[in-house]
Structures are given as structure tokens and as C-alpha cells.
């Protein structure tokens, strides 16, 4: 009976030791997962910031492209006016040189 009790105590101690080991392993895993969650949360915030910044940059690009198109149209109109003025000046100047 005492031998059986001693065996049971040894098994119990062995089981307790294994449980402590499993508990330590589980705690390590919990710590790893908490650290990963923290990293993921930070990465998520960075991604959101980049998304907002990208949207702002796209809007700025759109505005810049629109301004460039407007400037190109104005430039074209000014070039046409210059060509017309040059034609008028030529027409005015050419009769004065005629005999």
C-alpha cells in the first residue's frame, strides 16, 4: 500500500512538473502573441497613415495636373494671339513698303 502511495506521489510530482513546463511554454507563446499583436497594431496604424497620405498626394497630383492643363490652354491661346498680332503687324507693315 505504501509503495503504491509512493508511486502515485511520484507520478503526481511528474505530472506537476510537466504542467509547470506546459504553463511556461504557454506563457511564452502568450508573450510572443502579445508582442506580435503590438507590432501588427503599429503596422496597421502606419498603413492607415500611408493610405491617408496617398489619398492626399493623389488629390494634390490631380490639382497639379489640372493646373498644368489650364496653363497649357492659356499658353496655346497666347501663342495664337501672338501669331495673329504678328500677322497684323506684317499686314500693316507690308503696304507701307509698297511703292
N, C-alpha and C. Protein backbone atom coordinates (compact mmCIF):
# COMPACT_ATOMS: atom_id res chain seq x y z
N UNK A 1 0.83 -1.20 0.00
CA UNK A 1 0.00 0.00 0.00
C UNK A 1 0.87 1.26 0.00
N UNK A 2 1.93 1.26 0.82
CA UNK A 2 2.84 2.41 0.87
C UNK A 2 3.58 2.58 -0.45
N UNK A 3 3.94 1.45 -1.05
CA UNK A 3 4.63 1.51 -2.34
C UNK A 3 3.72 2.13 -3.40
N UNK A 4 2.48 1.75 -3.39
CA UNK A 4 1.51 2.32 -4.33
C UNK A 4 1.33 3.80 -4.09
N UNK A 5 1.28 4.19 -2.84
CA UNK A 5 1.16 5.60 -2.48
C UNK A 5 2.39 6.37 -2.95
N UNK A 6 3.56 5.80 -2.77
CA UNK A 6 4.80 6.43 -3.20
C UNK A 6 4.82 6.59 -4.72
N UNK A 7 4.39 5.55 -5.44
CA UNK A 7 4.32 5.63 -6.91
C UNK A 7 3.35 6.73 -7.35
N UNK A 8 2.24 6.80 -6.67
CA UNK A 8 1.24 7.83 -7.00
C UNK A 8 1.82 9.22 -6.76
N UNK A 9 2.55 9.39 -5.65
CA UNK A 9 3.17 10.68 -5.36
C UNK A 9 4.19 11.04 -6.43
N UNK A 10 4.99 10.06 -6.85
CA UNK A 10 5.99 10.31 -7.89
C UNK A 10 5.31 10.70 -9.21
N UNK A 11 4.26 9.98 -9.55
CA UNK A 11 3.52 10.31 -10.78
C UNK A 11 2.93 11.71 -10.69
N UNK A 12 2.40 12.02 -9.49
CA UNK A 12 1.81 13.34 -9.27
C UNK A 12 2.88 14.42 -9.42
N UNK A 13 4.05 14.20 -8.88
CA UNK A 13 5.13 15.17 -8.99
C UNK A 13 5.56 15.31 -10.46
N UNK A 14 5.61 14.18 -11.14
CA UNK A 14 5.97 14.20 -12.56
C UNK A 14 4.93 14.99 -13.37
N UNK A 15 3.67 14.75 -13.08
CA UNK A 15 2.59 15.46 -13.77
C UNK A 15 2.66 16.96 -13.45
N UNK A 16 2.91 17.30 -12.19
CA UNK A 16 3.02 18.71 -11.82
C UNK A 16 4.19 19.38 -12.53
N UNK A 17 5.31 18.67 -12.63
CA UNK A 17 6.47 19.21 -13.33
C UNK A 17 6.14 19.44 -14.81
N UNK A 18 5.47 18.48 -15.41
CA UNK A 18 5.07 18.62 -16.82
C UNK A 18 4.08 19.78 -17.00
N UNK A 19 3.18 19.91 -16.03
CA UNK A 19 2.22 21.01 -16.10
C UNK A 19 2.91 22.36 -16.00
N UNK A 20 3.92 22.46 -15.10
CA UNK A 20 4.67 23.71 -14.99
C UNK A 20 5.39 24.04 -16.30
N UNK A 21 5.95 23.00 -16.90
CA UNK A 21 6.64 23.19 -18.18
C UNK A 21 5.66 23.66 -19.26
N UNK A 22 4.51 23.02 -19.33
CA UNK A 22 3.49 23.42 -20.31
C UNK A 22 3.02 24.84 -20.03
N UNK A 23 2.84 25.16 -18.74
CA UNK A 23 2.41 26.51 -18.38
C UNK A 23 3.44 27.53 -18.81
N UNK A 24 4.74 27.24 -18.61
CA UNK A 24 5.81 28.13 -19.04
C UNK A 24 5.80 28.30 -20.57
N UNK A 25 5.64 27.18 -21.27
CA UNK A 25 5.60 27.24 -22.74
C UNK A 25 4.40 28.06 -23.22
N UNK A 26 3.27 27.85 -22.57
CA UNK A 26 2.08 28.61 -22.95
C UNK A 26 2.25 30.10 -22.66
N UNK A 27 2.88 30.41 -21.54
CA UNK A 27 3.12 31.81 -21.21
C UNK A 27 4.06 32.45 -22.22
N UNK A 28 5.10 31.71 -22.64
CA UNK A 28 6.00 32.21 -23.68
C UNK A 28 5.23 32.49 -24.96
N UNK A 29 4.34 31.57 -25.30
CA UNK A 29 3.56 31.74 -26.53
C UNK A 29 2.63 32.95 -26.40
N UNK A 30 2.02 33.12 -25.23
CA UNK A 30 1.15 34.28 -24.99
C UNK A 30 1.96 35.56 -25.14
N UNK A 31 3.16 35.58 -24.59
CA UNK A 31 4.01 36.77 -24.71
C UNK A 31 4.38 37.04 -26.16
N UNK A 32 4.70 35.99 -26.90
CA UNK A 32 5.00 36.14 -28.34
C UNK A 32 3.80 36.74 -29.08
N UNK A 33 2.63 36.20 -28.79
CA UNK A 33 1.43 36.67 -29.48
C UNK A 33 1.09 38.11 -29.11
N UNK A 34 1.31 38.47 -27.85
CA UNK A 34 1.08 39.86 -27.44
C UNK A 34 2.03 40.79 -28.17
N UNK A 35 3.29 40.37 -28.27
CA UNK A 35 4.29 41.18 -28.99
C UNK A 35 3.91 41.31 -30.46
N UNK A 36 3.48 40.20 -31.06
CA UNK A 36 3.07 40.23 -32.47
C UNK A 36 1.85 41.13 -32.65
N UNK A 37 0.92 41.06 -31.72
CA UNK A 37 -0.27 41.92 -31.80
C UNK A 37 0.13 43.38 -31.73
N UNK A 38 1.07 43.69 -30.85
CA UNK A 38 1.54 45.06 -30.73
C UNK A 38 2.18 45.52 -32.03
N UNK A 39 3.02 44.68 -32.62
CA UNK A 39 3.66 45.01 -33.90
C UNK A 39 2.62 45.19 -35.00
N UNK A 40 1.64 44.29 -35.02
CA UNK A 40 0.59 44.39 -36.03
C UNK A 40 -0.23 45.65 -35.88
N UNK A 41 -0.50 46.03 -34.64
CA UNK A 41 -1.26 47.25 -34.38
C UNK A 41 -0.50 48.46 -34.88
N UNK A 42 0.82 48.49 -34.60
CA UNK A 42 1.65 49.60 -35.09
C UNK A 42 1.70 49.61 -36.61
N UNK A 43 1.86 48.44 -37.21
CA UNK A 43 1.91 48.34 -38.67
C UNK A 43 0.58 48.79 -39.27
N UNK A 44 -0.52 48.43 -38.64
CA UNK A 44 -1.83 48.83 -39.11
C UNK A 44 -1.98 50.35 -39.09
N UNK A 45 -1.48 50.96 -38.02
CA UNK A 45 -1.54 52.42 -37.93
C UNK A 45 -0.69 53.06 -39.02
N UNK A 46 0.48 52.49 -39.29
CA UNK A 46 1.34 53.02 -40.35
C UNK A 46 0.66 52.89 -41.70
N UNK A 47 0.03 51.74 -41.94
CA UNK A 47 -0.67 51.52 -43.22
C UNK A 47 -1.81 52.53 -43.37
N UNK A 48 -2.54 52.78 -42.31
CA UNK A 48 -3.63 53.76 -42.37
C UNK A 48 -3.08 55.16 -42.67
N UNK A 49 -1.97 55.51 -42.00
CA UNK A 49 -1.35 56.81 -42.26
C UNK A 49 -0.90 56.92 -43.71
N UNK A 50 -0.30 55.85 -44.22
CA UNK A 50 0.16 55.85 -45.61
C UNK A 50 -1.02 55.95 -46.57
N UNK A 51 -2.12 55.29 -46.23
CA UNK A 51 -3.32 55.35 -47.07
C UNK A 51 -3.84 56.79 -47.15
N UNK A 52 -3.89 57.45 -45.99
CA UNK A 52 -4.35 58.85 -45.96
C UNK A 52 -3.39 59.74 -46.74
N UNK A 53 -2.09 59.54 -46.51
CA UNK A 53 -1.09 60.35 -47.21
C UNK A 53 -1.17 60.12 -48.72
N UNK A 54 -1.38 58.87 -49.11
CA UNK A 54 -1.50 58.55 -50.54
C UNK A 54 -2.72 59.25 -51.14
N UNK A 55 -3.82 59.26 -50.42
CA UNK A 55 -5.02 59.94 -50.91
C UNK A 55 -4.76 61.44 -51.07
N UNK A 56 -4.05 62.03 -50.11
CA UNK A 56 -3.73 63.45 -50.19
C UNK A 56 -2.80 63.73 -51.37
N UNK A 57 -1.83 62.85 -51.57
CA UNK A 57 -0.90 63.03 -52.69
C UNK A 57 -1.62 62.89 -54.04
N UNK A 58 -2.55 61.94 -54.11
CA UNK A 58 -3.32 61.78 -55.35
C UNK A 58 -4.15 63.02 -55.64
N UNK A 59 -4.75 63.59 -54.60
CA UNK A 59 -5.54 64.81 -54.77
C UNK A 59 -4.64 65.96 -55.22
N UNK A 60 -3.46 66.08 -54.60
CA UNK A 60 -2.52 67.14 -54.98
C UNK A 60 -2.06 66.94 -56.43
N UNK A 61 -1.83 65.70 -56.81
CA UNK A 61 -1.43 65.41 -58.20
C UNK A 61 -2.55 65.79 -59.17
N UNK A 62 -3.77 65.47 -58.79
CA UNK A 62 -4.92 65.81 -59.64
C UNK A 62 -5.02 67.33 -59.82
N UNK A 63 -4.87 68.07 -58.73
CA UNK A 63 -4.93 69.54 -58.79
C UNK A 63 -3.79 70.07 -59.66
N UNK A 64 -2.60 69.51 -59.47
CA UNK A 64 -1.44 69.95 -60.26
C UNK A 64 -1.63 69.67 -61.74
N UNK A 65 -2.15 68.49 -62.05
CA UNK A 65 -2.41 68.16 -63.46
C UNK A 65 -3.45 69.10 -64.06
N UNK A 66 -4.47 69.44 -63.28
CA UNK A 66 -5.50 70.35 -63.76
C UNK A 66 -4.89 71.74 -64.01
N UNK A 67 -4.03 72.18 -63.11
CA UNK A 67 -3.37 73.48 -63.30
C UNK A 67 -2.47 73.45 -64.53
N UNK A 68 -1.79 72.33 -64.74
CA UNK A 68 -0.93 72.22 -65.92
C UNK A 68 -1.77 72.30 -67.20
N UNK A 69 -2.90 71.62 -67.22
CA UNK A 69 -3.77 71.67 -68.40
C UNK A 69 -4.26 73.10 -68.64
N UNK A 70 -4.63 73.78 -67.55
CA UNK A 70 -5.08 75.17 -67.68
C UNK A 70 -3.95 76.05 -68.22
N UNK A 71 -2.76 75.86 -67.69
CA UNK A 71 -1.60 76.64 -68.15
C UNK A 71 -1.30 76.35 -69.61
N UNK A 72 -1.40 75.09 -70.01
CA UNK A 72 -1.17 74.73 -71.41
C UNK A 72 -2.21 75.38 -72.32
N UNK A 73 -3.48 75.39 -71.89
CA UNK A 73 -4.53 76.05 -72.69
C UNK A 73 -4.26 77.54 -72.83
N UNK A 74 -3.91 78.17 -71.70
CA UNK A 74 -3.61 79.61 -71.74
C UNK A 74 -2.40 79.88 -72.63
N UNK A 75 -1.39 79.05 -72.54
CA UNK A 75 -0.20 79.19 -73.37
C UNK A 75 -0.56 79.07 -74.86
N UNK A 76 -1.40 78.10 -75.18
CA UNK A 76 -1.83 77.91 -76.57
C UNK A 76 -2.57 79.16 -77.07
N UNK A 77 -3.47 79.67 -76.23
CA UNK A 77 -4.23 80.87 -76.63
C UNK A 77 -3.30 82.06 -76.81
N UNK A 78 -2.31 82.21 -75.91
CA UNK A 78 -1.35 83.30 -76.04
C UNK A 78 -0.52 83.15 -77.32
N UNK A 79 -0.12 81.94 -77.64
CA UNK A 79 0.64 81.71 -78.88
C UNK A 79 -0.21 82.07 -80.10
N UNK A 80 -1.48 81.74 -80.05
CA UNK A 80 -2.38 82.10 -81.17
C UNK A 80 -2.51 83.62 -81.28
N UNK A 81 -2.64 84.28 -80.13
CA UNK A 81 -2.73 85.74 -80.16
C UNK A 81 -1.46 86.36 -80.72
N UNK A 82 -0.30 85.82 -80.31
CA UNK A 82 0.98 86.32 -80.82
C UNK A 82 1.05 86.13 -82.33
N UNK A 83 0.65 84.96 -82.80
CA UNK A 83 0.67 84.70 -84.25
C UNK A 83 -0.25 85.67 -84.97
N UNK A 84 -1.44 85.92 -84.42
CA UNK A 84 -2.38 86.87 -85.04
C UNK A 84 -1.81 88.29 -85.03
N UNK A 85 -1.20 88.67 -83.92
CA UNK A 85 -0.59 90.01 -83.85
C UNK A 85 0.55 90.14 -84.85
N UNK A 86 1.35 89.10 -84.97
CA UNK A 86 2.43 89.11 -85.95
C UNK A 86 1.88 89.25 -87.37
N UNK A 87 0.79 88.58 -87.66
CA UNK A 87 0.15 88.67 -88.97
C UNK A 87 -0.35 90.09 -89.23
N UNK A 88 -0.97 90.66 -88.17
CA UNK A 88 -1.48 92.04 -88.31
C UNK A 88 -0.32 93.01 -88.54
N UNK A 89 0.77 92.85 -87.77
CA UNK A 89 1.93 93.73 -87.94
C UNK A 89 2.50 93.58 -89.34
N UNK A 90 2.61 92.36 -89.84
CA UNK A 90 3.10 92.15 -91.22
C UNK A 90 2.20 92.81 -92.24
N UNK A 91 0.89 92.64 -92.01
CA UNK A 91 -0.06 93.24 -92.96
C UNK A 91 0.02 94.77 -92.92
N UNK A 92 0.19 95.33 -91.76
CA UNK A 92 0.30 96.78 -91.64
C UNK A 92 1.62 97.30 -92.22
N UNK A 93 2.66 96.52 -92.02
CA UNK A 93 3.99 96.96 -92.46
C UNK A 93 4.16 96.77 -93.96
N UNK A 94 3.57 95.76 -94.55
CA UNK A 94 3.81 95.48 -95.96
C UNK A 94 3.24 96.54 -96.90
N UNK A 95 2.10 97.18 -96.71
CA UNK A 95 1.64 98.24 -97.62
C UNK A 95 2.51 99.49 -97.54
N UNK A 96 3.12 99.74 -96.40
CA UNK A 96 3.93 100.94 -96.26
C UNK A 96 5.21 100.84 -97.08
N UNK A 97 5.65 99.61 -97.33
CA UNK A 97 6.85 99.43 -98.15
C UNK A 97 6.52 99.33 -99.63
N UNK A 98 5.25 99.22 -99.96
CA UNK A 98 4.88 99.14 -101.38
C UNK A 98 4.96 100.51 -102.02
N UNK A 99 5.43 100.56 -103.29
CA UNK A 99 5.56 101.86 -103.97
C UNK A 99 4.23 102.42 -104.43
